[in-house]
Amino acid sequence: MIKIFYCLFLSFSLSFATDCMKEFKSIYDDTSEEGLFLIASKLNDMCTKNDKTACKCYSEYIDESKQECQKGSSIKCIIVGTMFMDNEYESSKYAKQACDNNDGSKYSTSGCSIYGSILKSRYYKSKDASIKKDAIFYLKKACKMGNVSSCNFLKELK
């Protein structure tokens, strides 16, 4: 019974994703790295203008990106984190995941830098030594990956 439900759910999900790709073909056509960010951004913009189909597609795209993030795709983590910039908790969670994925991509490096910077700000507000230690860890990791601004932030913390 569970297998039947799962198959029906998967079939519906794939059908809906295909419908989104058909409905918003011009948005989904660009599969470059920049295009992956634009898909989320454009669908979100249309959603804020009360396009219900765009809202469903945006939600589906974000859910899919969250799953891909958990499977190790740093770019998908950064996409989700970017879409939640107004929510520091969500944004930092996905930046950390991008860093922890450690896939060697510039998005993993960005995740380390973003998360380290968020921790640095938290440390300045709280003066909590454990937060400072974590900030140094993530900024040092980003610095070693070649992120110059993280190296500069690291100097400020020491």
N, C-alpha and C. Protein backbone atom coordinates (compact mmCIF):
# COMPACT_ATOMS: atom_id res chain seq x y z
N MET A 1 0.82 -1.20 0.00
CA MET A 1 0.00 0.00 0.00
C MET A 1 0.87 1.26 0.00
N ILE A 2 1.92 1.28 0.82
CA ILE A 2 2.80 2.44 0.89
C ILE A 2 3.51 2.63 -0.45
N LYS A 3 3.93 1.52 -1.07
CA LYS A 3 4.61 1.61 -2.35
C LYS A 3 3.70 2.22 -3.41
N ILE A 4 2.43 1.84 -3.39
CA ILE A 4 1.47 2.38 -4.36
C ILE A 4 1.32 3.88 -4.15
N PHE A 5 1.17 4.31 -2.88
CA PHE A 5 1.04 5.73 -2.59
C PHE A 5 2.27 6.49 -3.05
N TYR A 6 3.45 5.94 -2.74
CA TYR A 6 4.71 6.60 -3.13
C TYR A 6 4.80 6.73 -4.65
N CYS A 7 4.44 5.68 -5.37
CA CYS A 7 4.49 5.72 -6.84
C CYS A 7 3.53 6.76 -7.39
N LEU A 8 2.34 6.82 -6.81
CA LEU A 8 1.36 7.83 -7.24
C LEU A 8 1.87 9.24 -6.95
N PHE A 9 2.44 9.43 -5.76
CA PHE A 9 2.97 10.74 -5.38
C PHE A 9 4.11 11.14 -6.30
N LEU A 10 5.04 10.21 -6.56
CA LEU A 10 6.18 10.49 -7.43
C LEU A 10 5.70 10.81 -8.84
N SER A 11 4.73 10.07 -9.31
CA SER A 11 4.17 10.30 -10.65
C SER A 11 3.54 11.70 -10.72
N PHE A 12 2.79 12.08 -9.67
CA PHE A 12 2.18 13.40 -9.64
C PHE A 12 3.24 14.50 -9.60
N SER A 13 4.27 14.29 -8.77
CA SER A 13 5.35 15.28 -8.64
C SER A 13 6.07 15.49 -9.96
N LEU A 14 6.41 14.40 -10.62
CA LEU A 14 7.11 14.52 -11.91
C LEU A 14 6.21 15.18 -12.95
N SER A 15 4.92 14.85 -12.91
CA SER A 15 3.97 15.46 -13.83
C SER A 15 3.88 16.96 -13.58
N PHE A 16 3.84 17.36 -12.30
CA PHE A 16 3.74 18.78 -11.98
C PHE A 16 4.99 19.52 -12.40
N ALA A 17 6.17 18.91 -12.17
CA ALA A 17 7.43 19.54 -12.57
C ALA A 17 7.46 19.74 -14.07
N THR A 18 6.99 18.75 -14.81
CA THR A 18 6.93 18.85 -16.27
C THR A 18 5.98 19.96 -16.67
N ASP A 19 4.84 20.07 -15.97
CA ASP A 19 3.88 21.14 -16.25
C ASP A 19 4.53 22.51 -16.03
N CYS A 20 5.32 22.65 -14.98
CA CYS A 20 6.00 23.92 -14.70
C CYS A 20 6.97 24.24 -15.83
N MET A 21 7.68 23.24 -16.28
CA MET A 21 8.65 23.45 -17.35
C MET A 21 7.95 23.84 -18.65
N LYS A 22 6.78 23.31 -18.86
CA LYS A 22 6.01 23.68 -20.06
C LYS A 22 5.44 25.09 -19.91
N GLU A 23 4.86 25.35 -18.75
CA GLU A 23 4.21 26.65 -18.49
C GLU A 23 5.21 27.80 -18.54
N PHE A 24 6.39 27.58 -18.00
CA PHE A 24 7.40 28.63 -17.90
C PHE A 24 8.67 28.23 -18.66
N LYS A 25 8.48 27.74 -19.86
CA LYS A 25 9.58 27.22 -20.68
C LYS A 25 10.75 28.20 -20.78
N SER A 26 10.45 29.46 -21.02
CA SER A 26 11.54 30.44 -21.20
C SER A 26 12.38 30.59 -19.93
N ILE A 27 11.78 30.38 -18.78
CA ILE A 27 12.51 30.49 -17.52
C ILE A 27 13.39 29.26 -17.30
N TYR A 28 12.82 28.10 -17.58
CA TYR A 28 13.53 26.85 -17.33
C TYR A 28 14.57 26.52 -18.40
N ASP A 29 14.54 27.22 -19.53
CA ASP A 29 15.46 26.92 -20.63
C ASP A 29 16.92 27.18 -20.28
N ASP A 30 17.18 28.19 -19.47
CA ASP A 30 18.56 28.54 -19.13
C ASP A 30 19.04 27.63 -17.99
N THR A 31 19.87 26.66 -18.32
CA THR A 31 20.36 25.73 -17.31
C THR A 31 21.79 26.05 -16.85
N SER A 32 22.26 27.26 -17.21
CA SER A 32 23.56 27.69 -16.71
C SER A 32 23.46 27.91 -15.20
N GLU A 33 24.60 28.10 -14.55
CA GLU A 33 24.58 28.36 -13.11
C GLU A 33 23.74 29.59 -12.79
N GLU A 34 23.93 30.65 -13.56
CA GLU A 34 23.13 31.87 -13.35
C GLU A 34 21.65 31.59 -13.58
N GLY A 35 21.38 30.79 -14.61
CA GLY A 35 20.00 30.45 -14.93
C GLY A 35 19.30 29.73 -13.79
N LEU A 36 20.02 28.88 -13.07
CA LEU A 36 19.43 28.16 -11.94
C LEU A 36 18.97 29.13 -10.86
N PHE A 37 19.74 30.20 -10.64
CA PHE A 37 19.32 31.23 -9.68
C PHE A 37 18.12 32.01 -10.21
N LEU A 38 18.15 32.30 -11.50
CA LEU A 38 17.08 33.09 -12.10
C LEU A 38 15.74 32.37 -12.09
N ILE A 39 15.76 31.05 -12.21
CA ILE A 39 14.50 30.29 -12.15
C ILE A 39 13.79 30.61 -10.85
N ALA A 40 14.50 30.46 -9.74
CA ALA A 40 13.90 30.72 -8.43
C ALA A 40 13.46 32.18 -8.31
N SER A 41 14.31 33.09 -8.73
CA SER A 41 14.03 34.51 -8.60
C SER A 41 12.81 34.93 -9.43
N LYS A 42 12.78 34.49 -10.68
CA LYS A 42 11.66 34.88 -11.56
C LYS A 42 10.34 34.26 -11.10
N LEU A 43 10.37 32.99 -10.71
CA LEU A 43 9.14 32.37 -10.21
C LEU A 43 8.66 33.07 -8.94
N ASN A 44 9.59 33.42 -8.07
CA ASN A 44 9.23 34.13 -6.84
C ASN A 44 8.62 35.50 -7.16
N ASP A 45 9.21 36.22 -8.11
CA ASP A 45 8.67 37.52 -8.51
C ASP A 45 7.23 37.39 -9.03
N MET A 46 7.00 36.39 -9.88
CA MET A 46 5.64 36.18 -10.40
C MET A 46 4.68 35.76 -9.31
N CYS A 47 5.19 34.99 -8.36
CA CYS A 47 4.36 34.55 -7.23
C CYS A 47 3.91 35.75 -6.40
N THR A 48 4.82 36.70 -6.17
CA THR A 48 4.46 37.89 -5.38
C THR A 48 3.43 38.76 -6.10
N LYS A 49 3.26 38.50 -7.40
CA LYS A 49 2.24 39.21 -8.18
C LYS A 49 0.98 38.36 -8.31
N ASN A 50 0.82 37.40 -7.40
CA ASN A 50 -0.36 36.55 -7.29
C ASN A 50 -0.58 35.58 -8.45
N ASP A 51 0.49 35.14 -9.09
CA ASP A 51 0.38 34.10 -10.11
C ASP A 51 0.44 32.76 -9.38
N LYS A 52 -0.72 32.13 -9.22
CA LYS A 52 -0.81 30.91 -8.42
C LYS A 52 0.01 29.76 -9.01
N THR A 53 0.04 29.66 -10.32
CA THR A 53 0.84 28.61 -10.95
C THR A 53 2.32 28.84 -10.67
N ALA A 54 2.76 30.09 -10.76
CA ALA A 54 4.16 30.40 -10.46
C ALA A 54 4.47 30.09 -9.00
N CYS A 55 3.52 30.34 -8.11
CA CYS A 55 3.73 30.04 -6.68
C CYS A 55 3.93 28.54 -6.48
N LYS A 56 3.12 27.73 -7.14
CA LYS A 56 3.26 26.27 -7.02
C LYS A 56 4.60 25.83 -7.60
N CYS A 57 4.97 26.39 -8.73
CA CYS A 57 6.24 26.02 -9.36
C CYS A 57 7.43 26.48 -8.53
N TYR A 58 7.32 27.67 -7.94
CA TYR A 58 8.38 28.19 -7.07
C TYR A 58 8.55 27.26 -5.87
N SER A 59 7.45 26.92 -5.25
CA SER A 59 7.49 26.04 -4.09
C SER A 59 8.11 24.70 -4.45
N GLU A 60 7.73 24.16 -5.58
CA GLU A 60 8.29 22.89 -6.05
C GLU A 60 9.79 23.03 -6.32
N TYR A 61 10.18 24.12 -6.95
CA TYR A 61 11.60 24.33 -7.28
C TYR A 61 12.44 24.44 -6.00
N ILE A 62 11.93 25.17 -5.02
CA ILE A 62 12.65 25.32 -3.75
C ILE A 62 12.72 23.98 -3.03
N ASP A 63 11.61 23.23 -3.00
CA ASP A 63 11.63 21.92 -2.34
C ASP A 63 12.63 20.98 -3.01
N GLU A 64 12.65 20.99 -4.33
CA GLU A 64 13.60 20.17 -5.08
C GLU A 64 15.04 20.61 -4.79
N SER A 65 15.24 21.92 -4.73
CA SER A 65 16.58 22.45 -4.44
C SER A 65 17.03 22.07 -3.03
N LYS A 66 16.11 22.08 -2.07
CA LYS A 66 16.45 21.66 -0.70
C LYS A 66 16.90 20.20 -0.69
N GLN A 67 16.19 19.37 -1.43
CA GLN A 67 16.56 17.94 -1.49
C GLN A 67 17.94 17.77 -2.13
N GLU A 68 18.18 18.50 -3.21
CA GLU A 68 19.48 18.41 -3.89
C GLU A 68 20.60 18.94 -2.98
N CYS A 69 20.29 19.96 -2.22
CA CYS A 69 21.26 20.51 -1.25
C CYS A 69 21.65 19.42 -0.26
N GLN A 70 20.67 18.73 0.28
CA GLN A 70 20.93 17.67 1.26
C GLN A 70 21.74 16.52 0.65
N LYS A 71 21.62 16.36 -0.67
CA LYS A 71 22.36 15.29 -1.35
C LYS A 71 23.76 15.73 -1.74
N GLY A 72 24.10 17.01 -1.49
CA GLY A 72 25.47 17.45 -1.73
C GLY A 72 25.66 18.54 -2.78
N SER A 73 24.58 19.10 -3.32
CA SER A 73 24.70 20.15 -4.33
C SER A 73 24.80 21.52 -3.66
N SER A 74 26.01 22.05 -3.60
CA SER A 74 26.23 23.35 -2.96
C SER A 74 25.52 24.49 -3.68
N ILE A 75 25.45 24.41 -5.01
CA ILE A 75 24.76 25.48 -5.74
C ILE A 75 23.28 25.54 -5.34
N LYS A 76 22.68 24.37 -5.14
CA LYS A 76 21.27 24.34 -4.74
C LYS A 76 21.10 24.88 -3.32
N CYS A 77 22.08 24.64 -2.45
CA CYS A 77 22.03 25.20 -1.09
C CYS A 77 22.06 26.73 -1.14
N ILE A 78 22.95 27.25 -1.97
CA ILE A 78 23.08 28.71 -2.08
C ILE A 78 21.81 29.31 -2.70
N ILE A 79 21.22 28.62 -3.67
CA ILE A 79 19.96 29.10 -4.26
C ILE A 79 18.90 29.23 -3.17
N VAL A 80 18.74 28.18 -2.38
CA VAL A 80 17.72 28.22 -1.31
C VAL A 80 18.07 29.30 -0.30
N GLY A 81 19.32 29.34 0.12
CA GLY A 81 19.74 30.36 1.09
C GLY A 81 19.50 31.77 0.59
N THR A 82 19.75 31.98 -0.70
CA THR A 82 19.53 33.30 -1.31
C THR A 82 18.05 33.68 -1.27
N MET A 83 17.20 32.71 -1.50
CA MET A 83 15.76 33.01 -1.51
C MET A 83 15.21 33.29 -0.11
N PHE A 84 15.99 32.93 0.93
CA PHE A 84 15.58 33.18 2.31
C PHE A 84 16.44 34.23 2.99
N MET A 85 16.97 35.18 2.21
CA MET A 85 17.87 36.20 2.77
C MET A 85 17.23 37.00 3.89
N ASP A 86 15.91 37.13 3.88
CA ASP A 86 15.25 37.91 4.94
C ASP A 86 15.05 37.08 6.22
N ASN A 87 15.45 35.81 6.18
CA ASN A 87 15.33 34.94 7.34
C ASN A 87 16.74 34.41 7.66
N GLU A 88 17.42 35.06 8.60
CA GLU A 88 18.82 34.72 8.88
C GLU A 88 18.99 33.25 9.25
N TYR A 89 18.05 32.70 10.00
CA TYR A 89 18.17 31.30 10.41
C TYR A 89 18.20 30.38 9.18
N GLU A 90 17.20 30.53 8.30
CA GLU A 90 17.13 29.68 7.10
C GLU A 90 18.32 29.93 6.18
N SER A 91 18.63 31.19 5.97
CA SER A 91 19.74 31.54 5.09
C SER A 91 21.05 30.95 5.60
N SER A 92 21.30 31.09 6.89
CA SER A 92 22.56 30.58 7.45
C SER A 92 22.60 29.05 7.43
N LYS A 93 21.46 28.42 7.62
CA LYS A 93 21.40 26.95 7.60
C LYS A 93 21.84 26.42 6.23
N TYR A 94 21.38 27.05 5.17
CA TYR A 94 21.73 26.57 3.83
C TYR A 94 23.14 26.99 3.42
N ALA A 95 23.62 28.12 3.92
CA ALA A 95 25.01 28.51 3.67
C ALA A 95 25.94 27.50 4.34
N LYS A 96 25.62 27.13 5.57
CA LYS A 96 26.43 26.14 6.29
C LYS A 96 26.41 24.81 5.55
N GLN A 97 25.25 24.40 5.07
CA GLN A 97 25.15 23.13 4.36
C GLN A 97 25.99 23.16 3.08
N ALA A 98 25.97 24.29 2.37
CA ALA A 98 26.78 24.42 1.15
C ALA A 98 28.26 24.24 1.50
N CYS A 99 28.68 24.86 2.59
CA CYS A 99 30.07 24.74 3.05
C CYS A 99 30.38 23.30 3.45
N ASP A 100 29.51 22.72 4.24
CA ASP A 100 29.73 21.36 4.74
C ASP A 100 29.69 20.32 3.63
N ASN A 101 29.01 20.64 2.52
CA ASN A 101 29.01 19.72 1.38
C ASN A 101 30.43 19.53 0.84
N ASN A 102 31.23 20.59 0.99
CA ASN A 102 32.66 20.52 0.67
C ASN A 102 32.93 19.88 -0.70
N ASP A 103 32.18 20.34 -1.70
CA ASP A 103 32.30 19.74 -3.04
C ASP A 103 33.36 20.41 -3.91
N GLY A 104 34.10 21.36 -3.33
CA GLY A 104 35.16 22.02 -4.08
C GLY A 104 34.69 23.09 -5.04
N SER A 105 33.40 23.35 -5.07
CA SER A 105 32.87 24.37 -5.98
C SER A 105 32.95 25.75 -5.35
N LYS A 106 32.79 26.77 -6.19
CA LYS A 106 32.78 28.14 -5.67
C LYS A 106 31.57 28.35 -4.76
N TYR A 107 30.54 27.53 -4.91
CA TYR A 107 29.35 27.67 -4.06
C TYR A 107 29.60 27.11 -2.66
N SER A 108 30.42 26.09 -2.58
CA SER A 108 30.83 25.58 -1.27
C SER A 108 31.67 26.63 -0.56
N THR A 109 32.58 27.25 -1.31
CA THR A 109 33.41 28.32 -0.76
C THR A 109 32.53 29.49 -0.31
N SER A 110 31.56 29.87 -1.15
CA SER A 110 30.64 30.95 -0.79
C SER A 110 29.86 30.61 0.47
N GLY A 111 29.44 29.36 0.57
CA GLY A 111 28.71 28.94 1.76
C GLY A 111 29.53 29.12 3.02
N CYS A 112 30.81 28.73 2.96
CA CYS A 112 31.70 28.90 4.11
C CYS A 112 31.86 30.38 4.46
N SER A 113 32.04 31.20 3.43
CA SER A 113 32.23 32.63 3.64
C SER A 113 30.97 33.29 4.22
N ILE A 114 29.83 32.96 3.64
CA ILE A 114 28.56 33.53 4.11
C ILE A 114 28.29 33.11 5.54
N TYR A 115 28.42 31.81 5.81
CA TYR A 115 28.14 31.32 7.15
C TYR A 115 29.13 31.91 8.16
N GLY A 116 30.40 31.96 7.81
CA GLY A 116 31.39 32.56 8.70
C GLY A 116 31.09 34.03 8.98
N SER A 117 30.64 34.75 7.96
CA SER A 117 30.30 36.17 8.12
C SER A 117 29.10 36.36 9.03
N ILE A 118 28.11 35.47 8.87
CA ILE A 118 26.92 35.54 9.74
C ILE A 118 27.35 35.29 11.19
N LEU A 119 28.20 34.29 11.39
CA LEU A 119 28.68 34.00 12.75
C LEU A 119 29.50 35.16 13.31
N LYS A 120 30.29 35.79 12.45
CA LYS A 120 31.09 36.95 12.89
C LYS A 120 30.15 38.05 13.41
N SER A 121 29.08 38.32 12.67
CA SER A 121 28.11 39.33 13.11
C SER A 121 27.45 38.93 14.42
N ARG A 122 27.11 37.65 14.54
CA ARG A 122 26.51 37.16 15.79
C ARG A 122 27.49 37.34 16.96
N TYR A 123 28.77 37.07 16.69
CA TYR A 123 29.77 37.21 17.75
C TYR A 123 29.87 38.67 18.21
N TYR A 124 29.90 39.60 17.27
CA TYR A 124 30.01 41.01 17.63
C TYR A 124 28.83 41.46 18.50
N LYS A 125 27.66 40.84 18.26
CA LYS A 125 26.48 41.19 19.06
C LYS A 125 26.51 40.53 20.43
N SER A 126 26.98 39.28 20.48
CA SER A 126 26.89 38.50 21.73
C SER A 126 28.18 38.42 22.54
N LYS A 127 29.32 38.56 21.88
CA LYS A 127 30.65 38.38 22.50
C LYS A 127 30.82 36.96 23.05
N ASP A 128 30.08 36.01 22.52
CA ASP A 128 30.15 34.60 22.92
C ASP A 128 31.36 33.96 22.25
N ALA A 129 32.29 33.46 23.06
CA ALA A 129 33.55 32.88 22.56
C ALA A 129 33.33 31.67 21.65
N SER A 130 32.29 30.88 21.92
CA SER A 130 32.05 29.70 21.08
C SER A 130 31.59 30.10 19.67
N ILE A 131 30.87 31.21 19.58
CA ILE A 131 30.45 31.72 18.27
C ILE A 131 31.67 32.24 17.51
N LYS A 132 32.55 32.91 18.23
CA LYS A 132 33.79 33.41 17.61
C LYS A 132 34.61 32.25 17.07
N LYS A 133 34.73 31.18 17.85
CA LYS A 133 35.49 30.00 17.44
C LYS A 133 34.91 29.42 16.14
N ASP A 134 33.58 29.30 16.08
CA ASP A 134 32.93 28.77 14.87
C ASP A 134 33.13 29.72 13.69
N ALA A 135 33.03 31.01 13.93
CA ALA A 135 33.23 32.00 12.86
C ALA A 135 34.64 31.87 12.28
N ILE A 136 35.62 31.74 13.16
CA ILE A 136 37.01 31.58 12.72
C ILE A 136 37.16 30.31 11.89
N PHE A 137 36.55 29.23 12.35
CA PHE A 137 36.64 27.95 11.63
C PHE A 137 36.12 28.09 10.19
N TYR A 138 34.92 28.67 10.04
CA TYR A 138 34.31 28.76 8.69
C TYR A 138 35.00 29.80 7.82
N LEU A 139 35.42 30.91 8.41
CA LEU A 139 36.14 31.91 7.63
C LEU A 139 37.51 31.39 7.20
N LYS A 140 38.17 30.66 8.07
CA LYS A 140 39.47 30.07 7.73
C LYS A 140 39.31 29.06 6.60
N LYS A 141 38.26 28.28 6.67
CA LYS A 141 37.98 27.29 5.62
C LYS A 141 37.77 27.99 4.27
N ALA A 142 36.99 29.06 4.27
CA ALA A 142 36.74 29.82 3.03
C ALA A 142 38.02 30.49 2.55
N CYS A 143 38.79 31.01 3.47
CA CYS A 143 40.06 31.66 3.12
C CYS A 143 40.99 30.67 2.45
N LYS A 144 41.09 29.46 3.00
CA LYS A 144 41.95 28.42 2.42
C LYS A 144 41.47 28.02 1.02
N MET A 145 40.16 28.22 0.77
CA MET A 145 39.59 27.90 -0.54
C MET A 145 39.76 29.06 -1.52
N GLY A 146 40.36 30.15 -1.05
CA GLY A 146 40.66 31.27 -1.94
C GLY A 146 39.73 32.46 -1.85
N ASN A 147 38.86 32.51 -0.87
CA ASN A 147 37.95 33.63 -0.71
C ASN A 147 38.66 34.75 0.07
N VAL A 148 39.09 35.78 -0.63
CA VAL A 148 39.89 36.86 -0.05
C VAL A 148 39.14 37.63 1.03
N SER A 149 37.85 37.90 0.82
CA SER A 149 37.12 38.66 1.84
C SER A 149 37.05 37.88 3.15
N SER A 150 36.99 36.56 3.07
CA SER A 150 37.00 35.75 4.30
C SER A 150 38.33 35.88 5.02
N CYS A 151 39.41 35.95 4.27
CA CYS A 151 40.74 36.14 4.87
C CYS A 151 40.79 37.48 5.62
N ASN A 152 40.19 38.50 5.01
CA ASN A 152 40.16 39.83 5.66
C ASN A 152 39.28 39.82 6.91
N PHE A 153 38.12 39.15 6.82
CA PHE A 153 37.25 39.05 7.99
C PHE A 153 37.94 38.30 9.13
N LEU A 154 38.71 37.31 8.75
CA LEU A 154 39.44 36.50 9.71
C LEU A 154 40.44 37.37 10.50
N LYS A 155 41.13 38.26 9.80
CA LYS A 155 42.07 39.17 10.46
C LYS A 155 41.36 40.05 11.47
N GLU A 156 40.13 40.47 11.15
CA GLU A 156 39.37 41.33 12.06
C GLU A 156 39.00 40.61 13.34
N LEU A 157 38.79 39.29 13.25
CA LEU A 157 38.37 38.52 14.42
C LEU A 157 39.50 38.16 15.38
N LYS A 158 40.72 38.16 14.90
CA LYS A 158 41.84 37.71 15.73
C LYS A 158 42.38 38.80 16.61
